[in-house]
């Protein structure tokens, strides 16, 4: 990743910070999107936050649309898959 030009912005009265358009576009940040703010010494990192539940929901919708299955069909084997994964991860059967 190449070095980027430093941008200066101002923190407003209520703690609001404007991220310059150039940086928003480069980082694929959109209005209303959630971000993570991570303190790092005297600096902060602002990173796009993807909500895992939303991502899972979108994936299920894609599967349902692509296969023609119902949501119930897709989710019907969930308990068995979860038990198999638990066994792989922990080497035990879940009761």
PDB file of N, CA and C in Angstrom:
ATOM      1  N   UNK A   1       0.858  -1.180   0.000  1.00  0.00           N
ATOM      2  CA  UNK A   1       0.000   0.000   0.000  1.00  0.00           C
ATOM      3  C   UNK A   1       0.895   1.232   0.000  1.00  0.00           C
ATOM      4  N   UNK A   2       0.639   2.144  -0.911  1.00  0.00           N
ATOM      5  CA  UNK A   2       1.469   3.342  -0.978  1.00  0.00           C
ATOM      6  C   UNK A   2       1.027   4.372   0.059  1.00  0.00           C
ATOM      7  N   UNK A   3       1.954   5.245   0.428  1.00  0.00           N
ATOM      8  CA  UNK A   3       1.655   6.292   1.417  1.00  0.00           C
ATOM      9  C   UNK A   3       0.643   7.269   0.837  1.00  0.00           C
ATOM     10  N   UNK A   4      -0.267   7.698   1.653  1.00  0.00           N
ATOM     11  CA  UNK A   4      -1.303   8.631   1.229  1.00  0.00           C
ATOM     12  C   UNK A   4      -1.031  10.009   1.811  1.00  0.00           C
ATOM     13  N   UNK A   5      -1.553  11.005   1.133  1.00  0.00           N
ATOM     14  CA  UNK A   5      -1.449  12.377   1.613  1.00  0.00           C
ATOM     15  C   UNK A   5      -2.261  12.527   2.897  1.00  0.00           C
ATOM     16  N   UNK A   6      -1.713  13.245   3.861  1.00  0.00           N
ATOM     17  CA  UNK A   6      -2.412  13.479   5.123  1.00  0.00           C
ATOM     18  C   UNK A   6      -3.535  14.483   4.912  1.00  0.00           C
ATOM     19  N   UNK A   7      -4.676  14.192   5.478  1.00  0.00           N
ATOM     20  CA  UNK A   7      -5.817  15.106   5.434  1.00  0.00           C
ATOM     21  C   UNK A   7      -6.069  15.614   6.845  1.00  0.00           C
ATOM     22  N   UNK A   8      -6.393  16.883   6.951  1.00  0.00           N
ATOM     23  CA  UNK A   8      -6.702  17.473   8.254  1.00  0.00           C
ATOM     24  C   UNK A   8      -8.188  17.779   8.281  1.00  0.00           C
ATOM     25  N   UNK A   9      -8.831  17.412   9.369  1.00  0.00           N
ATOM     26  CA  UNK A   9     -10.255  17.671   9.541  1.00  0.00           C
ATOM     27  C   UNK A   9     -10.489  18.109  10.979  1.00  0.00           C
ATOM     28  N   UNK A  10     -11.673  18.557  11.275  1.00  0.00           N
ATOM     29  CA  UNK A  10     -11.974  19.122  12.591  1.00  0.00           C
ATOM     30  C   UNK A  10     -13.031  18.277  13.300  1.00  0.00           C
ATOM     31  N   UNK A  11     -12.839  18.084  14.593  1.00  0.00           N
ATOM     32  CA  UNK A  11     -13.850  17.413  15.404  1.00  0.00           C
ATOM     33  C   UNK A  11     -14.815  18.484  15.885  1.00  0.00           C
ATOM     34  N   UNK A  12     -16.082  18.274  15.624  1.00  0.00           N
ATOM     35  CA  UNK A  12     -17.101  19.262  15.981  1.00  0.00           C
ATOM     36  C   UNK A  12     -17.555  19.099  17.426  1.00  0.00           C
ATOM     37  N   UNK A  13     -18.407  20.005  17.854  1.00  0.00           N
ATOM     38  CA  UNK A  13     -18.872  20.093  19.239  1.00  0.00           C
ATOM     39  C   UNK A  13     -19.370  18.759  19.796  1.00  0.00           C
ATOM     40  N   UNK A  14     -20.121  18.014  19.035  1.00  0.00           N
ATOM     41  CA  UNK A  14     -20.695  16.753  19.526  1.00  0.00           C
ATOM     42  C   UNK A  14     -19.822  15.550  19.190  1.00  0.00           C
ATOM     43  N   UNK A  15     -18.558  15.777  18.858  1.00  0.00           N
ATOM     44  CA  UNK A  15     -17.638  14.682  18.571  1.00  0.00           C
ATOM     45  C   UNK A  15     -17.690  14.178  17.144  1.00  0.00           C
ATOM     46  N   UNK A  16     -18.413  14.871  16.280  1.00  0.00           N
ATOM     47  CA  UNK A  16     -18.528  14.439  14.895  1.00  0.00           C
ATOM     48  C   UNK A  16     -17.257  14.766  14.130  1.00  0.00           C
ATOM     49  N   UNK A  17     -16.898  13.851  13.251  1.00  0.00           N
ATOM     50  CA  UNK A  17     -15.687  13.979  12.456  1.00  0.00           C
ATOM     51  C   UNK A  17     -16.059  13.721  11.000  1.00  0.00           C
ATOM     52  N   UNK A  18     -15.653  14.602  10.111  1.00  0.00           N
ATOM     53  CA  UNK A  18     -15.912  14.397   8.691  1.00  0.00           C
ATOM     54  C   UNK A  18     -14.709  13.715   8.067  1.00  0.00           C
ATOM     55  N   UNK A  19     -14.949  12.566   7.443  1.00  0.00           N
ATOM     56  CA  UNK A  19     -13.891  11.870   6.710  1.00  0.00           C
ATOM     57  C   UNK A  19     -13.950  12.398   5.281  1.00  0.00           C
ATOM     58  N   UNK A  20     -12.844  12.940   4.774  1.00  0.00           N
ATOM     59  CA  UNK A  20     -12.854  13.512   3.424  1.00  0.00           C
ATOM     60  C   UNK A  20     -13.358  12.516   2.370  1.00  0.00           C
ATOM     61  N   UNK A  21     -14.063  13.037   1.374  1.00  0.00           N
ATOM     62  CA  UNK A  21     -14.681  12.218   0.332  1.00  0.00           C
ATOM     63  C   UNK A  21     -13.680  11.275  -0.320  1.00  0.00           C
ATOM     64  N   UNK A  22     -12.498  11.767  -0.610  1.00  0.00           N
ATOM     65  CA  UNK A  22     -11.462  10.968  -1.269  1.00  0.00           C
ATOM     66  C   UNK A  22     -11.138   9.712  -0.443  1.00  0.00           C
ATOM     67  N   UNK A  23     -11.049   9.880   0.868  1.00  0.00           N
ATOM     68  CA  UNK A  23     -10.736   8.756   1.754  1.00  0.00           C
ATOM     69  C   UNK A  23     -11.946   7.829   1.880  1.00  0.00           C
ATOM     70  N   UNK A  24     -13.159   8.391   1.971  1.00  0.00           N
ATOM     71  CA  UNK A  24     -14.369   7.555   2.035  1.00  0.00           C
ATOM     72  C   UNK A  24     -14.486   6.677   0.798  1.00  0.00           C
ATOM     73  N   UNK A  25     -14.238   7.260  -0.361  1.00  0.00           N
ATOM     74  CA  UNK A  25     -14.325   6.495  -1.606  1.00  0.00           C
ATOM     75  C   UNK A  25     -13.258   5.414  -1.657  1.00  0.00           C
ATOM     76  N   UNK A  26     -12.034   5.762  -1.284  1.00  0.00           N
ATOM     77  CA  UNK A  26     -10.924   4.813  -1.303  1.00  0.00           C
ATOM     78  C   UNK A  26     -11.185   3.646  -0.341  1.00  0.00           C
ATOM     79  N   UNK A  27     -11.851   3.936   0.781  1.00  0.00           N
ATOM     80  CA  UNK A  27     -12.113   2.926   1.809  1.00  0.00           C
ATOM     81  C   UNK A  27     -13.481   2.269   1.647  1.00  0.00           C
ATOM     82  N   UNK A  28     -14.219   2.666   0.612  1.00  0.00           N
ATOM     83  CA  UNK A  28     -15.559   2.134   0.344  1.00  0.00           C
ATOM     84  C   UNK A  28     -16.503   2.358   1.526  1.00  0.00           C
ATOM     85  N   UNK A  29     -16.411   3.521   2.154  1.00  0.00           N
ATOM     86  CA  UNK A  29     -17.305   3.886   3.257  1.00  0.00           C
ATOM     87  C   UNK A  29     -18.496   4.638   2.684  1.00  0.00           C
ATOM     88  N   UNK A  30     -19.688   4.263   3.128  1.00  0.00           N
ATOM     89  CA  UNK A  30     -20.903   4.901   2.635  1.00  0.00           C
ATOM     90  C   UNK A  30     -21.694   5.494   3.796  1.00  0.00           C
ATOM     91  N   UNK A  31     -22.542   6.455   3.480  1.00  0.00           N
ATOM     92  CA  UNK A  31     -23.380   7.095   4.500  1.00  0.00           C
ATOM     93  C   UNK A  31     -24.186   6.052   5.263  1.00  0.00           C
ATOM     94  N   UNK A  32     -24.184   6.167   6.580  1.00  0.00           N
ATOM     95  CA  UNK A  32     -24.947   5.262   7.434  1.00  0.00           C
ATOM     96  C   UNK A  32     -24.230   3.973   7.789  1.00  0.00           C
ATOM     97  N   UNK A  33     -23.093   3.722   7.151  1.00  0.00           N
ATOM     98  CA  UNK A  33     -22.341   2.497   7.425  1.00  0.00           C
ATOM     99  C   UNK A  33     -21.696   2.564   8.807  1.00  0.00           C
ATOM    100  N   UNK A  34     -21.659   1.443   9.509  1.00  0.00           N
ATOM    101  CA  UNK A  34     -21.018   1.365  10.817  1.00  0.00           C
ATOM    102  C   UNK A  34     -19.512   1.209  10.628  1.00  0.00           C
ATOM    103  N   UNK A  35     -18.742   1.803  11.536  1.00  0.00           N
ATOM    104  CA  UNK A  35     -17.289   1.663  11.528  1.00  0.00           C
ATOM    105  C   UNK A  35     -16.821   1.286  12.930  1.00  0.00           C
ATOM    106  N   UNK A  36     -15.671   0.642  12.994  1.00  0.00           N
ATOM    107  CA  UNK A  36     -15.024   0.365  14.275  1.00  0.00           C
ATOM    108  C   UNK A  36     -13.983   1.445  14.494  1.00  0.00           C
ATOM    109  N   UNK A  37     -13.898   1.949  15.723  1.00  0.00           N
ATOM    110  CA  UNK A  37     -12.878   2.935  16.071  1.00  0.00           C
ATOM    111  C   UNK A  37     -11.983   2.282  17.114  1.00  0.00           C
ATOM    112  N   UNK A  38     -10.709   2.131  16.768  1.00  0.00           N
ATOM    113  CA  UNK A  38      -9.770   1.402  17.610  1.00  0.00           C
ATOM    114  C   UNK A  38      -8.678   2.353  18.083  1.00  0.00           C
ATOM    115  N   UNK A  39      -8.581   2.603  19.409  1.00  0.00           N
ATOM    116  CA  UNK A  39      -7.497   3.450  19.912  1.00  0.00           C
ATOM    117  C   UNK A  39      -6.171   2.697  19.821  1.00  0.00           C
ATOM    118  N   UNK A  40      -5.138   3.389  19.381  1.00  0.00           N
ATOM    119  CA  UNK A  40      -3.818   2.787  19.236  1.00  0.00           C
ATOM    120  C   UNK A  40      -2.787   3.812  19.684  1.00  0.00           C
ATOM    121  N   UNK A  41      -2.465   3.818  20.982  1.00  0.00           N
ATOM    122  CA  UNK A  41      -1.565   4.828  21.529  1.00  0.00           C
ATOM    123  C   UNK A  41      -2.185   6.200  21.374  1.00  0.00           C
ATOM    124  N   UNK A  42      -1.451   7.115  20.740  1.00  0.00           N
ATOM    125  CA  UNK A  42      -1.948   8.470  20.498  1.00  0.00           C
ATOM    126  C   UNK A  42      -2.742   8.575  19.195  1.00  0.00           C
ATOM    127  N   UNK A  43      -2.936   7.458  18.516  1.00  0.00           N
ATOM    128  CA  UNK A  43      -3.632   7.454  17.229  1.00  0.00           C
ATOM    129  C   UNK A  43      -4.924   6.643  17.341  1.00  0.00           C
ATOM    130  N   UNK A  44      -5.740   6.727  16.310  1.00  0.00           N
ATOM    131  CA  UNK A  44      -6.928   5.878  16.221  1.00  0.00           C
ATOM    132  C   UNK A  44      -6.987   5.268  14.823  1.00  0.00           C
ATOM    133  N   UNK A  45      -7.600   4.109  14.751  1.00  0.00           N
ATOM    134  CA  UNK A  45      -7.841   3.453  13.469  1.00  0.00           C
ATOM    135  C   UNK A  45      -9.352   3.419  13.279  1.00  0.00           C
ATOM    136  N   UNK A  46      -9.801   3.846  12.112  1.00  0.00           N
ATOM    137  CA  UNK A  46     -11.220   3.775  11.768  1.00  0.00           C
ATOM    138  C   UNK A  46     -11.334   2.744  10.654  1.00  0.00           C
ATOM    139  N   UNK A  47     -12.110   1.705  10.910  1.00  0.00           N
ATOM    140  CA  UNK A  47     -12.201   0.589   9.977  1.00  0.00           C
ATOM    141  C   UNK A  47     -13.665   0.261   9.692  1.00  0.00           C
ATOM    142  N   UNK A  48     -13.996  -0.070   8.437  1.00  0.00           N
ATOM    143  CA  UNK A  48     -15.374  -0.465   8.138  1.00  0.00           C
ATOM    144  C   UNK A  48     -15.775  -1.654   9.001  1.00  0.00           C
ATOM    145  N   UNK A  49     -16.985  -1.623   9.518  1.00  0.00           N
ATOM    146  CA  UNK A  49     -17.485  -2.715  10.364  1.00  0.00           C
ATOM    147  C   UNK A  49     -18.568  -3.441   9.604  1.00  0.00           C
ATOM    148  N   UNK A  50     -18.345  -4.714   9.348  1.00  0.00           N
ATOM    149  CA  UNK A  50     -19.372  -5.527   8.704  1.00  0.00           C
ATOM    150  C   UNK A  50     -20.102  -6.286   9.790  1.00  0.00           C
ATOM    151  N   UNK A  51     -21.382  -6.217   9.753  1.00  0.00           N
ATOM    152  CA  UNK A  51     -22.182  -6.921  10.734  1.00  0.00           C
ATOM    153  C   UNK A  51     -22.338  -8.371  10.290  1.00  0.00           C
ATOM    154  N   UNK A  52     -21.861  -9.300  11.110  1.00  0.00           N
ATOM    155  CA  UNK A  52     -21.871 -10.711  10.740  1.00  0.00           C
ATOM    156  C   UNK A  52     -23.282 -11.235  10.491  1.00  0.00           C
ATOM    157  N   UNK A  53     -24.226 -10.784  11.291  1.00  0.00           N
ATOM    158  CA  UNK A  53     -25.594 -11.254  11.107  1.00  0.00           C
ATOM    159  C   UNK A  53     -26.152 -10.800   9.760  1.00  0.00           C
ATOM    160  N   UNK A  54     -25.893  -9.551   9.397  1.00  0.00           N
ATOM    161  CA  UNK A  54     -26.348  -9.048   8.099  1.00  0.00           C
ATOM    162  C   UNK A  54     -25.687  -9.824   6.966  1.00  0.00           C
ATOM    163  N   UNK A  55     -24.397 -10.099   7.112  1.00  0.00           N
ATOM    164  CA  UNK A  55     -23.664 -10.846   6.086  1.00  0.00           C
ATOM    165  C   UNK A  55     -24.241 -12.258   5.946  1.00  0.00           C
ATOM    166  N   UNK A  56     -24.523 -12.911   7.075  1.00  0.00           N
ATOM    167  CA  UNK A  56     -25.107 -14.255   7.040  1.00  0.00           C
ATOM    168  C   UNK A  56     -26.481 -14.223   6.372  1.00  0.00           C
ATOM    169  N   UNK A  57     -27.278 -13.224   6.719  1.00  0.00           N
ATOM    170  CA  UNK A  57     -28.611 -13.087   6.125  1.00  0.00           C
ATOM    171  C   UNK A  57     -28.509 -12.917   4.607  1.00  0.00           C
ATOM    172  N   UNK A  58     -27.573 -12.096   4.163  1.00  0.00           N
ATOM    173  CA  UNK A  58     -27.397 -11.884   2.725  1.00  0.00           C
ATOM    174  C   UNK A  58     -26.961 -13.165   2.022  1.00  0.00           C
ATOM    175  N   UNK A  59     -26.074 -13.939   2.662  1.00  0.00           N
ATOM    176  CA  UNK A  59     -25.626 -15.199   2.069  1.00  0.00           C
ATOM    177  C   UNK A  59     -26.784 -16.190   1.952  1.00  0.00           C
ATOM    178  N   UNK A  60     -27.614 -16.270   2.994  1.00  0.00           N
ATOM    179  CA  UNK A  60     -28.767 -17.177   2.955  1.00  0.00           C
ATOM    180  C   UNK A  60     -29.726 -16.763   1.840  1.00  0.00           C
ATOM    181  N   UNK A  61     -29.957 -15.456   1.694  1.00  0.00           N
ATOM    182  CA  UNK A  61     -30.837 -14.977   0.617  1.00  0.00           C
ATOM    183  C   UNK A  61     -30.289 -15.376  -0.751  1.00  0.00           C
ATOM    184  N   UNK A  62     -28.966 -15.266  -0.932  1.00  0.00           N
ATOM    185  CA  UNK A  62     -28.344 -15.638  -2.211  1.00  0.00           C
ATOM    186  C   UNK A  62     -28.519 -17.127  -2.484  1.00  0.00           C
ATOM    187  N   UNK A  63     -28.322 -17.955  -1.452  1.00  0.00           N
ATOM    188  CA  UNK A  63     -28.469 -19.404  -1.608  1.00  0.00           C
ATOM    189  C   UNK A  63     -29.907 -19.748  -1.977  1.00  0.00           C
ATOM    190  N   UNK A  64     -30.850 -19.153  -1.262  1.00  0.00           N
ATOM    191  CA  UNK A  64     -32.270 -19.413  -1.518  1.00  0.00           C
ATOM    192  C   UNK A  64     -32.624 -19.030  -2.951  1.00  0.00           C
ATOM    193  N   UNK A  65     -32.159 -17.876  -3.383  1.00  0.00           N
ATOM    194  CA  UNK A  65     -32.469 -17.405  -4.739  1.00  0.00           C
ATOM    195  C   UNK A  65     -31.817 -18.296  -5.798  1.00  0.00           C
ATOM    196  N   UNK A  66     -30.548 -18.668  -5.585  1.00  0.00           N
ATOM    197  CA  UNK A  66     -29.811 -19.451  -6.574  1.00  0.00           C
ATOM    198  C   UNK A  66     -30.323 -20.888  -6.690  1.00  0.00           C
ATOM    199  N   UNK A  67     -30.747 -21.476  -5.586  1.00  0.00           N
ATOM    200  CA  UNK A  67     -31.141 -22.887  -5.597  1.00  0.00           C
ATOM    201  C   UNK A  67     -32.637 -23.113  -5.726  1.00  0.00           C
ATOM    202  N   UNK A  68     -33.424 -22.087  -5.442  1.00  0.00           N
ATOM    203  CA  UNK A  68     -34.869 -22.251  -5.467  1.00  0.00           C
ATOM    204  C   UNK A  68     -35.406 -22.936  -4.221  1.00  0.00           C
ATOM    205  N   UNK A  69     -34.533 -23.186  -3.245  1.00  0.00           N
ATOM    206  CA  UNK A  69     -34.966 -23.796  -1.988  1.00  0.00           C
ATOM    207  C   UNK A  69     -35.653 -22.758  -1.115  1.00  0.00           C
ATOM    208  N   UNK A  70     -36.430 -23.232  -0.158  1.00  0.00           N
ATOM    209  CA  UNK A  70     -37.025 -22.321   0.817  1.00  0.00           C
ATOM    210  C   UNK A  70     -36.026 -22.094   1.944  1.00  0.00           C
ATOM    211  N   UNK A  71     -36.258 -21.065   2.727  1.00  0.00           N
ATOM    212  CA  UNK A  71     -35.401 -20.801   3.886  1.00  0.00           C
ATOM    213  C   UNK A  71     -35.435 -22.003   4.822  1.00  0.00           C
ATOM    214  N   UNK A  72     -36.614 -22.616   4.987  1.00  0.00           N
ATOM    215  CA  UNK A  72     -36.745 -23.794   5.851  1.00  0.00           C
ATOM    216  C   UNK A  72     -35.861 -24.931   5.349  1.00  0.00           C
ATOM    217  N   UNK A  73     -35.811 -25.128   4.013  1.00  0.00           N
ATOM    218  CA  UNK A  73     -34.961 -26.172   3.442  1.00  0.00           C
ATOM    219  C   UNK A  73     -33.489 -25.914   3.754  1.00  0.00           C
ATOM    220  N   UNK A  74     -33.079 -24.661   3.573  1.00  0.00           N
ATOM    221  CA  UNK A  74     -31.677 -24.305   3.808  1.00  0.00           C
ATOM    222  C   UNK A  74     -31.311 -24.516   5.270  1.00  0.00           C
ATOM    223  N   UNK A  75     -32.224 -24.147   6.170  1.00  0.00           N
ATOM    224  CA  UNK A  75     -31.924 -24.219   7.600  1.00  0.00           C
ATOM    225  C   UNK A  75     -32.206 -25.584   8.222  1.00  0.00           C
ATOM    226  N   UNK A  76     -32.859 -26.483   7.481  1.00  0.00           N
ATOM    227  CA  UNK A  76     -33.271 -27.765   8.060  1.00  0.00           C
ATOM    228  C   UNK A  76     -32.098 -28.601   8.567  1.00  0.00           C
ATOM    229  N   UNK A  77     -30.979 -28.544   7.903  1.00  0.00           N
ATOM    230  CA  UNK A  77     -29.827 -29.335   8.329  1.00  0.00           C
ATOM    231  C   UNK A  77     -28.884 -28.597   9.256  1.00  0.00           C
ATOM    232  N   UNK A  78     -29.309 -27.457   9.745  1.00  0.00           N
ATOM    233  CA  UNK A  78     -28.427 -26.621  10.564  1.00  0.00           C
ATOM    234  C   UNK A  78     -27.968 -27.307  11.848  1.00  0.00           C
ATOM    235  N   UNK A  79     -28.874 -27.981  12.559  1.00  0.00           N
ATOM    236  CA  UNK A  79     -28.484 -28.635  13.810  1.00  0.00           C
ATOM    237  C   UNK A  79     -27.439 -29.719  13.578  1.00  0.00           C
ATOM    238  N   UNK A  80     -27.616 -30.510  12.522  1.00  0.00           N
ATOM    239  CA  UNK A  80     -26.641 -31.558  12.218  1.00  0.00           C
ATOM    240  C   UNK A  80     -25.285 -30.957  11.850  1.00  0.00           C
ATOM    241  N   UNK A  81     -25.304 -29.904  11.044  1.00  0.00           N
ATOM    242  CA  UNK A  81     -24.052 -29.248  10.657  1.00  0.00           C
ATOM    243  C   UNK A  81     -23.354 -28.644  11.866  1.00  0.00           C
ATOM    244  N   UNK A  82     -24.123 -28.026  12.738  1.00  0.00           N
ATOM    245  CA  UNK A  82     -23.565 -27.421  13.941  1.00  0.00           C
ATOM    246  C   UNK A  82     -22.916 -28.491  14.821  1.00  0.00           C
ATOM    247  N   UNK A  83     -23.580 -29.636  14.998  1.00  0.00           N
ATOM    248  CA  UNK A  83     -23.038 -30.730  15.806  1.00  0.00           C
ATOM    249  C   UNK A  83     -21.759 -31.282  15.179  1.00  0.00           C
ATOM    250  N   UNK A  84     -21.745 -31.426  13.860  1.00  0.00           N
ATOM    251  CA  UNK A  84     -20.550 -31.925  13.178  1.00  0.00           C
ATOM    252  C   UNK A  84     -19.387 -30.950  13.334  1.00  0.00           C
ATOM    253  N   UNK A  85     -19.651 -29.666  13.196  1.00  0.00           N
ATOM    254  CA  UNK A  85     -18.607 -28.659  13.352  1.00  0.00           C
ATOM    255  C   UNK A  85     -18.080 -28.643  14.778  1.00  0.00           C
ATOM    256  N   UNK A  86     -18.978 -28.745  15.749  1.00  0.00           N
ATOM    257  CA  UNK A  86     -18.573 -28.784  17.156  1.00  0.00           C
ATOM    258  C   UNK A  86     -17.647 -29.974  17.385  1.00  0.00           C
ATOM    259  N   UNK A  87     -18.007 -31.130  16.813  1.00  0.00           N
ATOM    260  CA  UNK A  87     -17.171 -32.323  16.942  1.00  0.00           C
ATOM    261  C   UNK A  87     -15.799 -32.135  16.324  1.00  0.00           C
ATOM    262  N   UNK A  88     -15.740 -31.487  15.166  1.00  0.00           N
ATOM    263  CA  UNK A  88     -14.454 -31.217  14.517  1.00  0.00           C
ATOM    264  C   UNK A  88     -13.595 -30.276  15.348  1.00  0.00           C
ATOM    265  N   UNK A  89     -14.211 -29.247  15.892  1.00  0.00           N
ATOM    266  CA  UNK A  89     -13.456 -28.247  16.647  1.00  0.00           C
ATOM    267  C   UNK A  89     -13.012 -28.743  18.012  1.00  0.00           C
ATOM    268  N   UNK A  90     -13.878 -29.476  18.685  1.00  0.00           N
ATOM    269  CA  UNK A  90     -13.606 -29.837  20.073  1.00  0.00           C
ATOM    270  C   UNK A  90     -13.450 -31.335  20.292  1.00  0.00           C
ATOM    271  N   UNK A  91     -13.654 -32.135  19.268  1.00  0.00           N
ATOM    272  CA  UNK A  91     -13.467 -33.570  19.373  1.00  0.00           C
ATOM    273  C   UNK A  91     -14.472 -34.265  20.276  1.00  0.00           C
ATOM    274  N   UNK A  92     -15.580 -33.640  20.533  1.00  0.00           N
ATOM    275  CA  UNK A  92     -16.611 -34.214  21.402  1.00  0.00           C
ATOM    276  C   UNK A  92     -17.955 -34.100  20.713  1.00  0.00           C
ATOM    277  N   UNK A  93     -18.844 -34.929  21.132  1.00  0.00           N
ATOM    278  CA  UNK A  93     -20.227 -34.788  20.673  1.00  0.00           C
ATOM    279  C   UNK A  93     -20.959 -33.871  21.619  1.00  0.00           C
ATOM    280  N   UNK A  94     -21.697 -32.981  21.078  1.00  0.00           N
ATOM    281  CA  UNK A  94     -22.494 -32.061  21.888  1.00  0.00           C
ATOM    282  C   UNK A  94     -23.802 -32.736  22.263  1.00  0.00           C
ATOM    283  N   UNK A  95     -24.224 -32.595  23.493  1.00  0.00           N
ATOM    284  CA  UNK A  95     -25.471 -33.229  23.952  1.00  0.00           C
ATOM    285  C   UNK A  95     -26.614 -32.288  23.899  1.00  0.00           C
TER     286      UNK A  95
END
